[in-house]
Amino acid sequence: MPRLPITGEPPAGVEPISADGRLVSEAEYWQDWYDAADLSYEWNNGRLEEKPVSDFETFQVYLWFLELLRHYLRLQPVGKLVALEMGFRLSLRSGTVIRKPDLAVVLDTNPVALDLTDSSYHGVFDLCVEALSTEKPAYVHRDLVVKKAEYAAAGVPEYYVLHREHGNLAFYGRTRGGVYSPLPIEGSGDERLVRSRLLPGFQFRINDLIRRPDLDAIRRDPIYSDFVLPEWTLAEQAKAQAEQAQAQAEQAKAQAEQAQAQAERERDEARAAAQHEALARAKLEAELDQLRDTRSPDHPDR
């Protein structure tokens, strides 16, 4: 029997019973199921859909991407980031659905502002990101097919699907025809690069989602250096330049001291040479004077 919404924690050791597939009205969903404490549900045209949980490695991919996006929006504050349980209502030709993307962005240019007190978004997100669960084929179909069609029809400009395996990664941009097409992939091999059309300058290597290099590594990478901790890199460069200038100043000082010491040595050598020359001249003059005396008519020996 389906479990009714709970107001407290379930008894210890008791697995919550999923109400996936249960028929409820939209009003009931918002009142009783939107923020249910144990399991998370979306609403699809009158029916509850349990949000699956991704495996741990896919969660790590999600966290890495979230951190990258956070750094971008910190340096390029063009919008606000929404994560996990905030949903939005999509009024489609096929009916009404309420989705809770794992990650979303609302641009400042969006006609519907995101209020700080909102627990659901009253407009259409500009970017939706889902962390794919492959536990059941139905979950894969929901994210890669159903939500793809829904988000495109609702007018979400970009939609990304994250996963720990390359084959389940997807990055879509909405065309003028109102459907999604894959964002262009630039480069080849390990250098395959995705650039957002929605967020100017936001880009990432597909392989980096799988490898998840740390921030200290990617902030030095030209792909990310414009928006991942550039102030750290600038501070490092300034420090390196200051150290280089100090080293050059110390080298110049050492060279000046060396030149001064060389000049003093040359001066001492010149002084000693002058003294030696003066002594030699005095000795020579004395010898000349003595020679003149011996040749003088008045000399006693003559």
Protein backbone atom coordinates (compact mmCIF):
# COMPACT_ATOMS: atom_id res chain seq x y z
CA MET A 1 0.00 0.00 0.00
CA PRO A 2 1.46 3.43 -0.88
CA ARG A 3 2.80 5.42 2.03
CA LEU A 4 1.16 8.70 2.96
CA PRO A 5 3.41 11.77 3.35
CA ILE A 6 5.09 11.89 6.73
CA THR A 7 5.70 14.82 9.00
CA GLY A 8 8.56 13.29 10.98
CA GLU A 9 11.40 10.84 10.50
CA PRO A 10 10.53 7.21 9.67
CA PRO A 11 11.25 4.66 12.40
CA ALA A 12 14.87 3.57 12.55
CA GLY A 13 15.68 0.71 10.18
CA VAL A 14 12.43 1.10 8.18
CA GLU A 15 12.85 1.77 4.46
CA PRO A 16 10.46 4.47 3.22
CA ILE A 17 7.83 3.11 0.86
CA SER A 18 7.90 4.78 -2.53
CA ALA A 19 4.73 6.40 -3.85
CA ASP A 20 6.12 6.39 -7.39
CA GLY A 21 3.25 6.30 -9.89
CA ARG A 22 0.59 7.42 -7.42
CA LEU A 23 -2.13 9.66 -8.87
CA VAL A 24 -2.44 12.99 -7.03
CA SER A 25 -3.74 16.40 -8.02
CA GLU A 26 -1.35 19.27 -8.58
CA ALA A 27 -2.64 20.97 -5.45
CA GLU A 28 -2.00 17.79 -3.43
CA TYR A 29 1.48 17.56 -4.91
CA TRP A 30 2.43 21.07 -3.87
CA GLN A 31 0.91 20.67 -0.43
CA ASP A 32 1.95 17.14 0.51
CA TRP A 33 4.60 15.81 -1.84
CA TYR A 34 6.77 18.62 -3.18
CA ASP A 35 8.98 18.71 -0.10
CA ALA A 36 8.31 15.25 1.34
CA ALA A 37 10.93 14.45 3.97
CA ASP A 38 12.05 10.97 2.95
CA LEU A 39 11.87 10.66 -0.85
CA SER A 40 11.89 13.33 -3.53
CA TYR A 41 9.12 13.39 -6.13
CA GLU A 42 8.42 15.18 -9.35
CA TRP A 43 4.91 15.45 -10.78
CA ASN A 44 4.02 14.34 -14.30
CA ASN A 45 0.54 15.32 -15.42
CA GLY A 46 -1.17 13.92 -12.33
CA ARG A 47 1.27 11.17 -11.39
CA LEU A 48 4.12 11.15 -8.87
CA GLU A 49 7.58 10.25 -10.18
CA GLU A 50 10.25 9.42 -7.63
CA LYS A 51 13.58 11.10 -8.29
CA PRO A 52 16.26 8.41 -8.37
CA VAL A 53 19.59 8.64 -6.58
CA SER A 54 22.76 8.63 -8.69
CA ASP A 55 25.71 6.39 -7.85
CA PHE A 56 28.54 7.88 -5.82
CA GLU A 57 30.95 8.44 -8.72
CA THR A 58 28.28 10.24 -10.75
CA PHE A 59 27.66 12.36 -7.65
CA GLN A 60 31.38 13.23 -7.69
CA VAL A 61 31.04 14.31 -11.34
CA TYR A 62 28.08 16.46 -10.29
CA LEU A 63 30.05 18.05 -7.44
CA TRP A 64 33.01 18.82 -9.71
CA PHE A 65 30.76 20.44 -12.30
CA LEU A 66 28.87 22.35 -9.60
CA GLU A 67 32.16 23.74 -8.24
CA LEU A 68 33.22 24.76 -11.75
CA LEU A 69 29.92 26.54 -12.33
CA ARG A 70 30.10 28.24 -8.93
CA HIS A 71 33.51 29.68 -9.76
CA TYR A 72 32.26 30.88 -13.13
CA LEU A 73 29.25 32.66 -11.63
CA ARG A 74 31.44 34.20 -8.92
CA LEU A 75 33.64 35.86 -11.55
CA GLN A 76 30.82 36.35 -14.08
CA PRO A 77 27.76 37.16 -11.93
CA VAL A 78 25.25 36.83 -14.76
CA GLY A 79 22.79 34.65 -12.87
CA LYS A 80 21.94 32.60 -9.82
CA LEU A 81 22.58 28.94 -9.13
CA VAL A 82 19.82 26.61 -7.92
CA ALA A 83 20.55 23.08 -6.69
CA LEU A 84 18.66 19.91 -5.86
CA GLU A 85 15.12 20.32 -4.54
CA MET A 86 13.86 23.53 -6.16
CA GLY A 87 11.28 22.69 -8.81
CA PHE A 88 9.59 24.56 -11.62
CA ARG A 89 6.29 24.12 -13.45
CA LEU A 90 6.25 23.32 -17.16
CA SER A 91 2.98 23.90 -18.96
CA LEU A 92 3.20 21.76 -22.10
CA ARG A 93 0.82 20.78 -24.87
CA SER A 94 0.85 17.23 -23.51
CA GLY A 95 -0.02 18.41 -20.01
CA THR A 96 1.63 19.95 -16.97
CA VAL A 97 4.76 18.61 -15.28
CA ILE A 98 6.78 19.79 -12.29
CA ARG A 99 10.46 19.00 -12.45
CA LYS A 100 13.28 19.35 -9.94
CA PRO A 101 16.54 19.47 -11.91
CA ASP A 102 19.60 18.49 -9.91
CA LEU A 103 21.17 21.82 -10.84
CA ALA A 104 19.85 24.90 -12.59
CA VAL A 105 20.75 28.49 -13.46
CA VAL A 106 18.47 31.51 -13.61
CA LEU A 107 20.06 34.33 -15.60
CA ASP A 108 19.62 37.91 -14.45
CA THR A 109 18.08 38.57 -17.87
CA ASN A 110 15.33 36.00 -17.27
CA PRO A 111 11.94 37.76 -17.26
CA VAL A 112 11.03 35.98 -14.01
CA ALA A 113 13.35 36.96 -11.17
CA LEU A 114 14.37 34.40 -8.55
CA ASP A 115 13.37 35.69 -5.15
CA LEU A 116 15.46 34.82 -2.10
CA THR A 117 12.36 33.51 -0.30
CA ASP A 118 11.27 31.23 -3.17
CA SER A 119 11.18 27.47 -2.56
CA SER A 120 10.07 26.85 -6.14
CA TYR A 121 10.82 28.80 -9.29
CA HIS A 122 7.90 30.50 -11.01
CA GLY A 123 9.58 30.87 -14.40
CA VAL A 124 11.59 28.65 -16.75
CA PHE A 125 15.19 27.87 -15.86
CA ASP A 126 17.87 28.96 -18.33
CA LEU A 127 20.07 25.90 -17.74
CA CYS A 128 19.01 22.54 -16.34
CA VAL A 129 21.47 19.81 -15.30
CA GLU A 130 20.58 16.25 -14.35
CA ALA A 131 22.89 13.70 -12.72
CA LEU A 132 21.84 10.52 -14.48
CA SER A 133 20.88 7.38 -12.58
CA THR A 134 21.38 4.17 -14.54
CA GLU A 135 19.82 1.95 -11.87
CA LYS A 136 16.77 1.37 -14.09
CA PRO A 137 16.27 1.82 -17.85
CA ALA A 138 13.21 3.96 -17.04
CA TYR A 139 15.44 6.48 -15.24
CA VAL A 140 17.77 6.73 -18.22
CA HIS A 141 14.82 7.16 -20.59
CA ARG A 142 13.31 9.85 -18.37
CA ASP A 143 16.45 12.03 -18.35
CA LEU A 144 17.73 11.40 -21.87
CA VAL A 145 14.41 11.34 -23.71
CA VAL A 146 11.42 12.57 -21.69
CA LYS A 147 13.01 15.49 -19.85
CA LYS A 148 14.99 16.42 -22.93
CA ALA A 149 11.73 16.87 -24.84
CA GLU A 150 10.01 18.61 -21.92
CA TYR A 151 12.80 21.10 -21.25
CA ALA A 152 13.09 21.95 -24.94
CA ALA A 153 9.33 22.44 -25.29
CA ALA A 154 9.26 24.62 -22.16
CA GLY A 155 12.01 26.85 -23.55
CA VAL A 156 15.04 25.88 -21.39
CA PRO A 157 17.97 27.17 -23.51
CA GLU A 158 20.52 24.53 -22.43
CA TYR A 159 20.29 21.06 -20.88
CA TYR A 160 23.20 18.95 -19.61
CA VAL A 161 23.20 15.31 -18.46
CA LEU A 162 26.10 14.25 -16.23
CA HIS A 163 27.33 10.74 -15.57
CA ARG A 164 30.54 8.87 -14.68
CA GLU A 165 30.71 7.29 -18.16
CA HIS A 166 31.36 9.13 -21.41
CA GLY A 167 28.53 7.39 -23.22
CA ASN A 168 25.90 8.84 -20.89
CA LEU A 169 27.12 12.44 -20.98
CA ALA A 170 25.01 14.83 -23.04
CA PHE A 171 25.06 18.60 -23.63
CA TYR A 172 22.23 20.22 -25.54
CA GLY A 173 21.42 23.68 -26.80
CA ARG A 174 17.95 24.76 -27.92
CA THR A 175 17.63 25.65 -31.60
CA ARG A 176 15.39 28.28 -33.14
CA GLY A 177 13.02 25.49 -34.02
CA GLY A 178 12.44 24.80 -30.33
CA VAL A 179 14.26 21.45 -30.16
CA TYR A 180 17.59 20.44 -28.69
CA SER A 181 20.69 19.66 -30.71
CA PRO A 182 24.04 18.64 -29.20
CA LEU A 183 26.34 21.54 -28.42
CA PRO A 184 29.33 21.51 -30.80
CA ILE A 185 32.31 19.54 -29.46
CA GLU A 186 35.61 21.24 -30.26
CA GLY A 187 38.93 19.42 -30.54
CA SER A 188 39.53 15.69 -30.44
CA GLY A 189 40.69 12.97 -28.06
CA ASP A 190 41.43 14.15 -24.53
CA GLU A 191 41.05 17.77 -25.62
CA ARG A 192 37.37 17.57 -26.61
CA LEU A 193 35.82 20.76 -25.33
CA VAL A 194 32.25 21.91 -24.64
CA ARG A 195 31.49 25.64 -24.75
CA SER A 196 28.23 27.01 -23.41
CA ARG A 197 26.28 29.32 -25.72
CA LEU A 198 24.29 30.56 -22.75
CA LEU A 199 27.16 31.45 -20.40
CA PRO A 200 29.88 33.42 -22.24
CA GLY A 201 33.32 31.97 -21.54
CA PHE A 202 32.07 28.93 -19.63
CA GLN A 203 33.78 25.85 -21.03
CA PHE A 204 35.13 22.47 -19.92
CA ARG A 205 36.84 19.39 -21.26
CA ILE A 206 34.62 16.34 -21.38
CA ASN A 207 37.45 14.17 -20.03
CA ASP A 208 37.86 16.51 -17.07
CA LEU A 209 34.38 15.53 -15.89
CA ILE A 210 35.64 11.96 -15.62
CA ARG A 211 39.10 12.78 -14.25
CA ARG A 212 37.98 15.69 -12.06
CA PRO A 213 41.33 17.49 -11.63
CA ASP A 214 41.61 19.61 -8.49
CA LEU A 215 41.13 23.37 -8.50
CA ASP A 216 44.82 24.10 -8.04
CA ALA A 217 45.50 22.25 -11.28
CA ILE A 218 42.70 23.67 -13.41
CA ARG A 219 43.22 27.28 -12.33
CA ARG A 220 46.56 27.12 -14.15
CA ASP A 221 44.93 25.55 -17.22
CA PRO A 222 44.15 28.10 -19.99
CA ILE A 223 40.75 26.44 -20.49
CA TYR A 224 39.69 27.44 -16.96
CA SER A 225 42.14 30.13 -15.87
CA ASP A 226 39.79 33.02 -16.73
CA PHE A 227 37.17 32.00 -14.16
CA VAL A 228 38.70 29.51 -11.69
CA LEU A 229 40.50 31.47 -8.97
CA PRO A 230 42.26 33.92 -11.30
CA GLU A 231 43.06 36.11 -8.29
CA TRP A 232 45.17 33.29 -6.87
CA THR A 233 47.07 33.02 -10.12
CA LEU A 234 47.49 36.80 -10.32
CA ALA A 235 48.70 36.87 -6.71
CA GLU A 236 51.17 34.09 -7.50
CA GLN A 237 52.36 35.95 -10.58
CA ALA A 238 52.69 39.18 -8.60
CA LYS A 239 54.62 37.34 -5.90
CA ALA A 240 56.86 35.71 -8.51
CA GLN A 241 57.44 39.08 -10.18
CA ALA A 242 58.22 40.69 -6.82
CA GLU A 243 60.63 37.86 -5.98
CA GLN A 244 62.20 38.20 -9.42
CA ALA A 245 62.51 41.98 -8.98
CA GLN A 246 64.04 41.45 -5.54
CA ALA A 247 66.46 38.90 -6.96
CA GLN A 248 67.37 41.30 -9.75
CA ALA A 249 67.84 44.11 -7.22
CA GLU A 250 70.03 41.88 -5.06
CA GLN A 251 71.97 40.83 -8.15
CA ALA A 252 72.38 44.48 -9.17
CA LYS A 253 73.50 45.33 -5.64
CA ALA A 254 75.98 42.47 -5.66
CA GLN A 255 77.26 43.59 -9.06
CA ALA A 256 77.56 47.18 -7.80
CA GLU A 257 79.44 46.00 -4.71
CA GLN A 258 81.64 43.84 -6.90
CA ALA A 259 82.29 46.79 -9.23
CA GLN A 260 83.04 49.01 -6.24
CA ALA A 261 85.42 46.44 -4.82
CA GLN A 262 87.07 46.10 -8.23
CA ALA A 263 87.39 49.89 -8.48
CA GLU A 264 88.94 50.03 -5.00
CA ARG A 265 91.37 47.28 -5.93
CA GLU A 266 92.30 49.07 -9.11
CA ARG A 267 92.69 52.33 -7.15
CA ASP A 268 94.91 50.62 -4.56
CA GLU A 269 96.92 48.99 -7.31
CA ALA A 270 97.27 52.35 -9.09
CA ARG A 271 98.30 54.00 -5.80
CA ALA A 272 100.85 51.27 -5.10
CA ALA A 273 102.15 51.50 -8.67
CA ALA A 274 102.45 55.29 -8.34
CA GLN A 275 104.30 54.91 -5.04
CA HIS A 276 106.58 52.30 -6.55
CA GLU A 277 107.23 54.56 -9.53
CA ALA A 278 107.92 57.53 -7.24
CA LEU A 279 110.40 55.49 -5.21
CA ALA A 280 112.07 54.25 -8.36
CA ARG A 281 112.28 57.79 -9.70
CA ALA A 282 113.69 59.08 -6.43
CA LYS A 283 116.28 56.30 -6.41
CA LEU A 284 117.19 57.03 -10.01
CA GLU A 285 117.51 60.72 -9.31
CA ALA A 286 119.70 59.99 -6.31
CA GLU A 287 121.95 57.82 -8.44
CA LEU A 288 122.11 60.56 -11.09
CA ASP A 289 123.00 63.13 -8.47
CA GLN A 290 125.75 60.87 -7.15
CA LEU A 291 127.05 60.35 -10.68
CA ARG A 292 127.18 64.10 -11.28
CA ASP A 293 129.06 64.59 -8.06
CA THR A 294 131.75 62.09 -9.04
CA ARG A 295 132.30 63.91 -12.34
CA SER A 296 132.50 67.37 -10.78
CA PRO A 297 136.03 69.13 -10.91
CA ASP A 298 135.70 69.83 -7.23
CA HIS A 299 135.24 66.14 -6.33
CA PRO A 300 138.09 65.00 -4.02
CA ASP A 301 138.93 62.11 -6.31
CA ARG A 302 139.71 64.38 -9.25
